[in-house]
Amino acid sequence: MNSWSRSDPKLGLCGATLTIRAQWSDPARACLQKLAEGRSAWAIPWPCIHEFLAIVTHPRIYTPPSTTEQAIDQIVAWMESPTLTVLGAR
């Protein structure tokens, strides 16, 4: 498994929370993998990272929710992409 997807299989970005059970999770995962491993610049707005963390760890949204550690591991994995820019981060 590549570093961008090494943690929990739950993904979510700005209102489009995706789980491994969702019909669109495989295409979304493939898209993120292509971006993270590609040569083209890509970006995630900082509020989307916050929303991802809040949603995937929320016990009323996911049963069971991801742990905070799993969610942070996923964010760190995204940040390891040399072509990623986090918009609005200082």
PDB file of N, CA and C in Angstrom:
ATOM      1  N   MET A   1       0.842  -1.177   0.000  1.00  0.00           N
ATOM      2  CA  MET A   1       0.000   0.000   0.000  1.00  0.00           C
ATOM      3  C   MET A   1       0.884   1.236   0.000  1.00  0.00           C
ATOM      4  N   ASN A   2       0.510   2.228  -0.755  1.00  0.00           N
ATOM      5  CA  ASN A   2       1.294   3.450  -0.845  1.00  0.00           C
ATOM      6  C   ASN A   2       1.112   4.303   0.404  1.00  0.00           C
ATOM      7  N   SER A   3       2.082   5.186   0.661  1.00  0.00           N
ATOM      8  CA  SER A   3       2.061   5.961   1.894  1.00  0.00           C
ATOM      9  C   SER A   3       0.834   6.851   2.012  1.00  0.00           C
ATOM     10  N   TRP A   4       0.286   7.326   0.904  1.00  0.00           N
ATOM     11  CA  TRP A   4      -0.854   8.228   0.996  1.00  0.00           C
ATOM     12  C   TRP A   4      -2.078   7.529   1.548  1.00  0.00           C
ATOM     13  N   SER A   5      -2.154   6.214   1.455  1.00  0.00           N
ATOM     14  CA  SER A   5      -3.351   5.488   1.872  1.00  0.00           C
ATOM     15  C   SER A   5      -3.046   4.473   2.962  1.00  0.00           C
ATOM     16  N   ARG A   6      -2.009   4.699   3.731  1.00  0.00           N
ATOM     17  CA  ARG A   6      -1.562   3.678   4.656  1.00  0.00           C
ATOM     18  C   ARG A   6      -2.426   3.544   5.905  1.00  0.00           C
ATOM     19  N   SER A   7      -3.281   4.510   6.176  1.00  0.00           N
ATOM     20  CA  SER A   7      -4.064   4.438   7.404  1.00  0.00           C
ATOM     21  C   SER A   7      -5.483   3.969   7.103  1.00  0.00           C
ATOM     22  N   ASP A   8      -6.387   4.318   7.956  1.00  0.00           N
ATOM     23  CA  ASP A   8      -7.778   3.927   7.850  1.00  0.00           C
ATOM     24  C   ASP A   8      -8.325   4.197   6.447  1.00  0.00           C
ATOM     25  N   PRO A   9      -9.163   3.313   5.909  1.00  0.00           N
ATOM     26  CA  PRO A   9      -9.654   3.501   4.544  1.00  0.00           C
ATOM     27  C   PRO A   9     -10.697   4.597   4.395  1.00  0.00           C
ATOM     28  N   LYS A  10     -11.096   5.247   5.464  1.00  0.00           N
ATOM     29  CA  LYS A  10     -12.089   6.315   5.366  1.00  0.00           C
ATOM     30  C   LYS A  10     -11.434   7.577   4.817  1.00  0.00           C
ATOM     31  N   LEU A  11     -12.103   8.181   3.868  1.00  0.00           N
ATOM     32  CA  LEU A  11     -11.626   9.431   3.285  1.00  0.00           C
ATOM     33  C   LEU A  11     -12.771  10.425   3.315  1.00  0.00           C
ATOM     34  N   GLY A  12     -12.473  11.672   3.465  1.00  0.00           N
ATOM     35  CA  GLY A  12     -13.531  12.661   3.378  1.00  0.00           C
ATOM     36  C   GLY A  12     -12.950  14.031   3.141  1.00  0.00           C
ATOM     37  N   LEU A  13     -13.513  14.768   2.207  1.00  0.00           N
ATOM     38  CA  LEU A  13     -13.027  16.110   1.929  1.00  0.00           C
ATOM     39  C   LEU A  13     -14.214  17.012   1.669  1.00  0.00           C
ATOM     40  N   CYS A  14     -14.368  18.042   2.516  1.00  0.00           N
ATOM     41  CA  CYS A  14     -15.351  19.104   2.334  1.00  0.00           C
ATOM     42  C   CYS A  14     -16.728  18.635   1.878  1.00  0.00           C
ATOM     43  N   GLY A  15     -17.422  17.978   2.758  1.00  0.00           N
ATOM     44  CA  GLY A  15     -18.800  17.615   2.469  1.00  0.00           C
ATOM     45  C   GLY A  15     -18.963  16.371   1.630  1.00  0.00           C
ATOM     46  N   ALA A  16     -17.890  15.810   1.142  1.00  0.00           N
ATOM     47  CA  ALA A  16     -17.977  14.596   0.338  1.00  0.00           C
ATOM     48  C   ALA A  16     -17.255  13.488   1.090  1.00  0.00           C
ATOM     49  N   THR A  17     -17.777  13.145   2.254  1.00  0.00           N
ATOM     50  CA  THR A  17     -17.147  12.127   3.071  1.00  0.00           C
ATOM     51  C   THR A  17     -17.350  10.778   2.416  1.00  0.00           C
ATOM     52  N   LEU A  18     -16.260  10.045   2.290  1.00  0.00           N
ATOM     53  CA  LEU A  18     -16.283   8.771   1.600  1.00  0.00           C
ATOM     54  C   LEU A  18     -15.846   7.673   2.550  1.00  0.00           C
ATOM     55  N   THR A  19     -16.518   6.556   2.516  1.00  0.00           N
ATOM     56  CA  THR A  19     -16.080   5.411   3.280  1.00  0.00           C
ATOM     57  C   THR A  19     -15.844   4.265   2.328  1.00  0.00           C
ATOM     58  N   ILE A  20     -15.206   3.242   2.823  1.00  0.00           N
ATOM     59  CA  ILE A  20     -14.936   2.077   1.994  1.00  0.00           C
ATOM     60  C   ILE A  20     -16.230   1.417   1.530  1.00  0.00           C
ATOM     61  N   ARG A  21     -17.333   1.666   2.244  1.00  0.00           N
ATOM     62  CA  ARG A  21     -18.621   1.082   1.877  1.00  0.00           C
ATOM     63  C   ARG A  21     -19.358   1.908   0.835  1.00  0.00           C
ATOM     64  N   ALA A  22     -18.933   3.119   0.597  1.00  0.00           N
ATOM     65  CA  ALA A  22     -19.624   3.995  -0.344  1.00  0.00           C
ATOM     66  C   ALA A  22     -19.288   3.605  -1.778  1.00  0.00           C
ATOM     67  N   GLN A  23     -20.276   3.708  -2.645  1.00  0.00           N
ATOM     68  CA  GLN A  23     -20.096   3.287  -4.033  1.00  0.00           C
ATOM     69  C   GLN A  23     -19.027   4.096  -4.768  1.00  0.00           C
ATOM     70  N   TRP A  24     -18.740   5.302  -4.322  1.00  0.00           N
ATOM     71  CA  TRP A  24     -17.766   6.144  -4.997  1.00  0.00           C
ATOM     72  C   TRP A  24     -16.400   6.155  -4.316  1.00  0.00           C
ATOM     73  N   SER A  25     -16.189   5.320  -3.314  1.00  0.00           N
ATOM     74  CA  SER A  25     -14.918   5.379  -2.594  1.00  0.00           C
ATOM     75  C   SER A  25     -13.739   4.907  -3.439  1.00  0.00           C
ATOM     76  N   ASP A  26     -13.931   3.871  -4.255  1.00  0.00           N
ATOM     77  CA  ASP A  26     -12.816   3.405  -5.090  1.00  0.00           C
ATOM     78  C   ASP A  26     -12.381   4.464  -6.098  1.00  0.00           C
ATOM     79  N   PRO A  27     -13.318   5.096  -6.838  1.00  0.00           N
ATOM     80  CA  PRO A  27     -12.885   6.167  -7.750  1.00  0.00           C
ATOM     81  C   PRO A  27     -12.244   7.341  -7.018  1.00  0.00           C
ATOM     82  N   ALA A  28     -12.764   7.687  -5.841  1.00  0.00           N
ATOM     83  CA  ALA A  28     -12.177   8.794  -5.078  1.00  0.00           C
ATOM     84  C   ALA A  28     -10.776   8.442  -4.624  1.00  0.00           C
ATOM     85  N   ARG A  29     -10.588   7.228  -4.130  1.00  0.00           N
ATOM     86  CA  ARG A  29      -9.273   6.786  -3.689  1.00  0.00           C
ATOM     87  C   ARG A  29      -8.297   6.790  -4.867  1.00  0.00           C
ATOM     88  N   ALA A  30      -8.755   6.322  -6.026  1.00  0.00           N
ATOM     89  CA  ALA A  30      -7.895   6.304  -7.212  1.00  0.00           C
ATOM     90  C   ALA A  30      -7.505   7.729  -7.616  1.00  0.00           C
ATOM     91  N   CYS A  31      -8.461   8.644  -7.524  1.00  0.00           N
ATOM     92  CA  CYS A  31      -8.174  10.043  -7.858  1.00  0.00           C
ATOM     93  C   CYS A  31      -7.143  10.638  -6.909  1.00  0.00           C
ATOM     94  N   LEU A  32      -7.325  10.429  -5.605  1.00  0.00           N
ATOM     95  CA  LEU A  32      -6.364  10.948  -4.627  1.00  0.00           C
ATOM     96  C   LEU A  32      -4.987  10.326  -4.817  1.00  0.00           C
ATOM     97  N   GLN A  33      -4.963   9.032  -5.117  1.00  0.00           N
ATOM     98  CA  GLN A  33      -3.687   8.361  -5.329  1.00  0.00           C
ATOM     99  C   GLN A  33      -2.978   8.944  -6.548  1.00  0.00           C
ATOM    100  N   LYS A  34      -3.726   9.172  -7.618  1.00  0.00           N
ATOM    101  CA  LYS A  34      -3.132   9.752  -8.828  1.00  0.00           C
ATOM    102  C   LYS A  34      -2.558  11.139  -8.535  1.00  0.00           C
ATOM    103  N   LEU A  35      -3.299  11.936  -7.774  1.00  0.00           N
ATOM    104  CA  LEU A  35      -2.809  13.269  -7.412  1.00  0.00           C
ATOM    105  C   LEU A  35      -1.572  13.183  -6.523  1.00  0.00           C
ATOM    106  N   ALA A  36      -1.653  12.366  -5.484  1.00  0.00           N
ATOM    107  CA  ALA A  36      -0.563  12.285  -4.503  1.00  0.00           C
ATOM    108  C   ALA A  36       0.720  11.739  -5.102  1.00  0.00           C
ATOM    109  N   GLU A  37       0.600  10.843  -6.056  1.00  0.00           N
ATOM    110  CA  GLU A  37       1.789  10.213  -6.630  1.00  0.00           C
ATOM    111  C   GLU A  37       2.209  10.835  -7.952  1.00  0.00           C
ATOM    112  N   GLY A  38       1.423  11.780  -8.446  1.00  0.00           N
ATOM    113  CA  GLY A  38       1.717  12.382  -9.742  1.00  0.00           C
ATOM    114  C   GLY A  38       2.702  13.524  -9.663  1.00  0.00           C
ATOM    115  N   ARG A  39       2.944  14.111 -10.814  1.00  0.00           N
ATOM    116  CA  ARG A  39       3.883  15.223 -10.917  1.00  0.00           C
ATOM    117  C   ARG A  39       3.198  16.580 -10.913  1.00  0.00           C
ATOM    118  N   SER A  40       1.897  16.582 -11.095  1.00  0.00           N
ATOM    119  CA  SER A  40       1.152  17.848 -11.160  1.00  0.00           C
ATOM    120  C   SER A  40       0.853  18.368  -9.756  1.00  0.00           C
ATOM    121  N   ALA A  41       0.835  19.684  -9.654  1.00  0.00           N
ATOM    122  CA  ALA A  41       0.486  20.319  -8.384  1.00  0.00           C
ATOM    123  C   ALA A  41      -0.990  20.077  -8.085  1.00  0.00           C
ATOM    124  N   TRP A  42      -1.293  19.902  -6.804  1.00  0.00           N
ATOM    125  CA  TRP A  42      -2.673  19.751  -6.348  1.00  0.00           C
ATOM    126  C   TRP A  42      -2.784  20.390  -4.987  1.00  0.00           C
ATOM    127  N   ALA A  43      -4.005  20.623  -4.527  1.00  0.00           N
ATOM    128  CA  ALA A  43      -4.180  21.354  -3.274  1.00  0.00           C
ATOM    129  C   ALA A  43      -5.373  20.824  -2.494  1.00  0.00           C
ATOM    130  N   ILE A  44      -5.282  20.985  -1.193  1.00  0.00           N
ATOM    131  CA  ILE A  44      -6.391  20.735  -0.292  1.00  0.00           C
ATOM    132  C   ILE A  44      -6.544  21.997   0.557  1.00  0.00           C
ATOM    133  N   PRO A  45      -7.728  22.610   0.565  1.00  0.00           N
ATOM    134  CA  PRO A  45      -7.934  23.761   1.447  1.00  0.00           C
ATOM    135  C   PRO A  45      -7.854  23.325   2.913  1.00  0.00           C
ATOM    136  N   TRP A  46      -7.227  24.144   3.744  1.00  0.00           N
ATOM    137  CA  TRP A  46      -7.076  23.822   5.155  1.00  0.00           C
ATOM    138  C   TRP A  46      -8.412  23.488   5.820  1.00  0.00           C
ATOM    139  N   PRO A  47      -9.510  24.206   5.545  1.00  0.00           N
ATOM    140  CA  PRO A  47     -10.781  23.851   6.179  1.00  0.00           C
ATOM    141  C   PRO A  47     -11.246  22.425   5.847  1.00  0.00           C
ATOM    142  N   CYS A  48     -10.872  21.915   4.689  1.00  0.00           N
ATOM    143  CA  CYS A  48     -11.241  20.537   4.334  1.00  0.00           C
ATOM    144  C   CYS A  48     -10.492  19.524   5.186  1.00  0.00           C
ATOM    145  N   ILE A  49      -9.263  19.827   5.542  1.00  0.00           N
ATOM    146  CA  ILE A  49      -8.510  18.929   6.416  1.00  0.00           C
ATOM    147  C   ILE A  49      -9.152  18.916   7.798  1.00  0.00           C
ATOM    148  N   HIS A  50      -9.538  20.083   8.274  1.00  0.00           N
ATOM    149  CA  HIS A  50     -10.237  20.172   9.562  1.00  0.00           C
ATOM    150  C   HIS A  50     -11.541  19.379   9.513  1.00  0.00           C
ATOM    151  N   GLU A  51     -12.308  19.543   8.439  1.00  0.00           N
ATOM    152  CA  GLU A  51     -13.575  18.834   8.302  1.00  0.00           C
ATOM    153  C   GLU A  51     -13.353  17.321   8.233  1.00  0.00           C
ATOM    154  N   PHE A  52     -12.338  16.895   7.498  1.00  0.00           N
ATOM    155  CA  PHE A  52     -12.012  15.475   7.424  1.00  0.00           C
ATOM    156  C   PHE A  52     -11.780  14.916   8.825  1.00  0.00           C
ATOM    157  N   LEU A  53     -10.952  15.598   9.609  1.00  0.00           N
ATOM    158  CA  LEU A  53     -10.640  15.140  10.961  1.00  0.00           C
ATOM    159  C   LEU A  53     -11.904  15.077  11.822  1.00  0.00           C
ATOM    160  N   ALA A  54     -12.733  16.090  11.730  1.00  0.00           N
ATOM    161  CA  ALA A  54     -13.955  16.132  12.541  1.00  0.00           C
ATOM    162  C   ALA A  54     -14.948  15.041  12.143  1.00  0.00           C
ATOM    163  N   ILE A  55     -15.074  14.776  10.857  1.00  0.00           N
ATOM    164  CA  ILE A  55     -16.086  13.821  10.391  1.00  0.00           C
ATOM    165  C   ILE A  55     -15.666  12.378  10.612  1.00  0.00           C
ATOM    166  N   VAL A  56     -14.456  12.010  10.209  1.00  0.00           N
ATOM    167  CA  VAL A  56     -14.097  10.591  10.290  1.00  0.00           C
ATOM    168  C   VAL A  56     -13.898  10.101  11.713  1.00  0.00           C
ATOM    169  N   THR A  57     -13.735  11.024  12.666  1.00  0.00           N
ATOM    170  CA  THR A  57     -13.577  10.624  14.065  1.00  0.00           C
ATOM    171  C   THR A  57     -14.869  10.775  14.871  1.00  0.00           C
ATOM    172  N   HIS A  58     -15.940  11.179  14.229  1.00  0.00           N
ATOM    173  CA  HIS A  58     -17.211  11.442  14.930  1.00  0.00           C
ATOM    174  C   HIS A  58     -18.019  10.152  15.083  1.00  0.00           C
ATOM    175  N   PRO A  59     -18.312   9.744  16.315  1.00  0.00           N
ATOM    176  CA  PRO A  59     -19.018   8.475  16.546  1.00  0.00           C
ATOM    177  C   PRO A  59     -20.474   8.467  16.095  1.00  0.00           C
ATOM    178  N   ARG A  60     -21.058   9.615  15.855  1.00  0.00           N
ATOM    179  CA  ARG A  60     -22.437   9.640  15.351  1.00  0.00           C
ATOM    180  C   ARG A  60     -22.485   9.592  13.831  1.00  0.00           C
ATOM    181  N   ILE A  61     -21.338   9.720  13.196  1.00  0.00           N
ATOM    182  CA  ILE A  61     -21.280   9.637  11.737  1.00  0.00           C
ATOM    183  C   ILE A  61     -20.780   8.266  11.308  1.00  0.00           C
ATOM    184  N   TYR A  62     -19.754   7.751  11.974  1.00  0.00           N
ATOM    185  CA  TYR A  62     -19.195   6.439  11.652  1.00  0.00           C
ATOM    186  C   TYR A  62     -19.234   5.533  12.861  1.00  0.00           C
ATOM    187  N   THR A  63     -19.615   4.298  12.630  1.00  0.00           N
ATOM    188  CA  THR A  63     -19.597   3.282  13.676  1.00  0.00           C
ATOM    189  C   THR A  63     -18.803   2.100  13.146  1.00  0.00           C
ATOM    190  N   PRO A  64     -17.628   1.888  13.617  1.00  0.00           N
ATOM    191  CA  PRO A  64     -16.885   2.720  14.563  1.00  0.00           C
ATOM    192  C   PRO A  64     -16.201   3.876  13.836  1.00  0.00           C
ATOM    193  N   PRO A  65     -15.962   4.954  14.535  1.00  0.00           N
ATOM    194  CA  PRO A  65     -15.230   6.055  13.911  1.00  0.00           C
ATOM    195  C   PRO A  65     -13.741   5.721  13.835  1.00  0.00           C
ATOM    196  N   SER A  66     -13.050   6.449  12.982  1.00  0.00           N
ATOM    197  CA  SER A  66     -11.591   6.352  12.970  1.00  0.00           C
ATOM    198  C   SER A  66     -11.076   6.965  14.265  1.00  0.00           C
ATOM    199  N   THR A  67      -9.933   6.486  14.713  1.00  0.00           N
ATOM    200  CA  THR A  67      -9.312   7.123  15.871  1.00  0.00           C
ATOM    201  C   THR A  67      -8.656   8.427  15.409  1.00  0.00           C
ATOM    202  N   THR A  68      -8.402   9.299  16.352  1.00  0.00           N
ATOM    203  CA  THR A  68      -7.703  10.540  16.015  1.00  0.00           C
ATOM    204  C   THR A  68      -6.346  10.214  15.404  1.00  0.00           C
ATOM    205  N   GLU A  69      -5.683   9.213  15.954  1.00  0.00           N
ATOM    206  CA  GLU A  69      -4.373   8.815  15.415  1.00  0.00           C
ATOM    207  C   GLU A  69      -4.486   8.366  13.957  1.00  0.00           C
ATOM    208  N   GLN A  70      -5.503   7.571  13.629  1.00  0.00           N
ATOM    209  CA  GLN A  70      -5.684   7.122  12.248  1.00  0.00           C
ATOM    210  C   GLN A  70      -5.935   8.306  11.315  1.00  0.00           C
ATOM    211  N   ALA A  71      -6.784   9.232  11.746  1.00  0.00           N
ATOM    212  CA  ALA A  71      -7.094  10.388  10.917  1.00  0.00           C
ATOM    213  C   ALA A  71      -5.856  11.259  10.707  1.00  0.00           C
ATOM    214  N   ILE A  72      -5.103  11.485  11.761  1.00  0.00           N
ATOM    215  CA  ILE A  72      -3.885  12.284  11.635  1.00  0.00           C
ATOM    216  C   ILE A  72      -2.856  11.570  10.760  1.00  0.00           C
ATOM    217  N   ASP A  73      -2.759  10.248  10.884  1.00  0.00           N
ATOM    218  CA  ASP A  73      -1.854   9.499  10.007  1.00  0.00           C
ATOM    219  C   ASP A  73      -2.218   9.708   8.545  1.00  0.00           C
ATOM    220  N   GLN A  74      -3.520   9.744   8.235  1.00  0.00           N
ATOM    221  CA  GLN A  74      -3.943   9.961   6.849  1.00  0.00           C
ATOM    222  C   GLN A  74      -3.570  11.358   6.383  1.00  0.00           C
ATOM    223  N   ILE A  75      -3.785  12.345   7.240  1.00  0.00           N
ATOM    224  CA  ILE A  75      -3.426  13.720   6.884  1.00  0.00           C
ATOM    225  C   ILE A  75      -1.924  13.833   6.653  1.00  0.00           C
ATOM    226  N   VAL A  76      -1.142  13.223   7.526  1.00  0.00           N
ATOM    227  CA  VAL A  76       0.323  13.234   7.361  1.00  0.00           C
ATOM    228  C   VAL A  76       0.706  12.565   6.046  1.00  0.00           C
ATOM    229  N   ALA A  77       0.045  11.473   5.722  1.00  0.00           N
ATOM    230  CA  ALA A  77       0.340  10.778   4.460  1.00  0.00           C
ATOM    231  C   ALA A  77       0.062  11.684   3.267  1.00  0.00           C
ATOM    232  N   TRP A  78      -1.058  12.419   3.297  1.00  0.00           N
ATOM    233  CA  TRP A  78      -1.330  13.363   2.212  1.00  0.00           C
ATOM    234  C   TRP A  78      -0.244  14.419   2.153  1.00  0.00           C
ATOM    235  N   MET A  79       0.179  14.927   3.316  1.00  0.00           N
ATOM    236  CA  MET A  79       1.188  15.984   3.375  1.00  0.00           C
ATOM    237  C   MET A  79       2.542  15.525   2.839  1.00  0.00           C
ATOM    238  N   GLU A  80       2.767  14.225   2.807  1.00  0.00           N
ATOM    239  CA  GLU A  80       4.026  13.697   2.284  1.00  0.00           C
ATOM    240  C   GLU A  80       4.126  13.820   0.772  1.00  0.00           C
ATOM    241  N   SER A  81       3.027  14.087   0.110  1.00  0.00           N
ATOM    242  CA  SER A  81       3.063  14.271  -1.336  1.00  0.00           C
ATOM    243  C   SER A  81       3.825  15.552  -1.652  1.00  0.00           C
ATOM    244  N   PRO A  82       4.910  15.455  -2.416  1.00  0.00           N
ATOM    245  CA  PRO A  82       5.712  16.645  -2.697  1.00  0.00           C
ATOM    246  C   PRO A  82       5.006  17.675  -3.575  1.00  0.00           C
ATOM    247  N   THR A  83       3.910  17.289  -4.220  1.00  0.00           N
ATOM    248  CA  THR A  83       3.205  18.202  -5.101  1.00  0.00           C
ATOM    249  C   THR A  83       1.981  18.831  -4.443  1.00  0.00           C
ATOM    250  N   LEU A  84       1.723  18.497  -3.160  1.00  0.00           N
ATOM    251  CA  LEU A  84       0.551  19.034  -2.446  1.00  0.00           C
ATOM    252  C   LEU A  84       0.828  20.414  -1.878  1.00  0.00           C
ATOM    253  N   THR A  85      -0.157  21.298  -2.039  1.00  0.00           N
ATOM    254  CA  THR A  85      -0.163  22.592  -1.361  1.00  0.00           C
ATOM    255  C   THR A  85      -1.411  22.617  -0.492  1.00  0.00           C
ATOM    256  N   VAL A  86      -1.245  22.990   0.767  1.00  0.00           N
ATOM    257  CA  VAL A  86      -2.386  23.157   1.652  1.00  0.00           C
ATOM    258  C   VAL A  86      -2.759  24.636   1.592  1.00  0.00           C
ATOM    259  N   LEU A  87      -3.954  24.915   1.078  1.00  0.00           N
ATOM    260  CA  LEU A  87      -4.387  26.292   0.899  1.00  0.00           C
ATOM    261  C   LEU A  87      -4.865  26.890   2.219  1.00  0.00           C
ATOM    262  N   GLY A  88      -4.396  28.065   2.517  1.00  0.00           N
ATOM    263  CA  GLY A  88      -4.808  28.765   3.723  1.00  0.00           C
ATOM    264  C   GLY A  88      -3.981  28.398   4.947  1.00  0.00           C
ATOM    265  N   ALA A  89      -3.044  27.474   4.808  1.00  0.00           N
ATOM    266  CA  ALA A  89      -2.175  27.107   5.940  1.00  0.00           C
ATOM    267  C   ALA A  89      -1.056  28.129   6.057  1.00  0.00           C
ATOM    268  N   ARG A  90      -0.645  28.382   7.275  1.00  0.00           N
ATOM    269  CA  ARG A  90       0.453  29.341   7.474  1.00  0.00           C
ATOM    270  C   ARG A  90       1.652  28.643   8.018  1.00  0.00           C
TER     271      ARG A  90
END
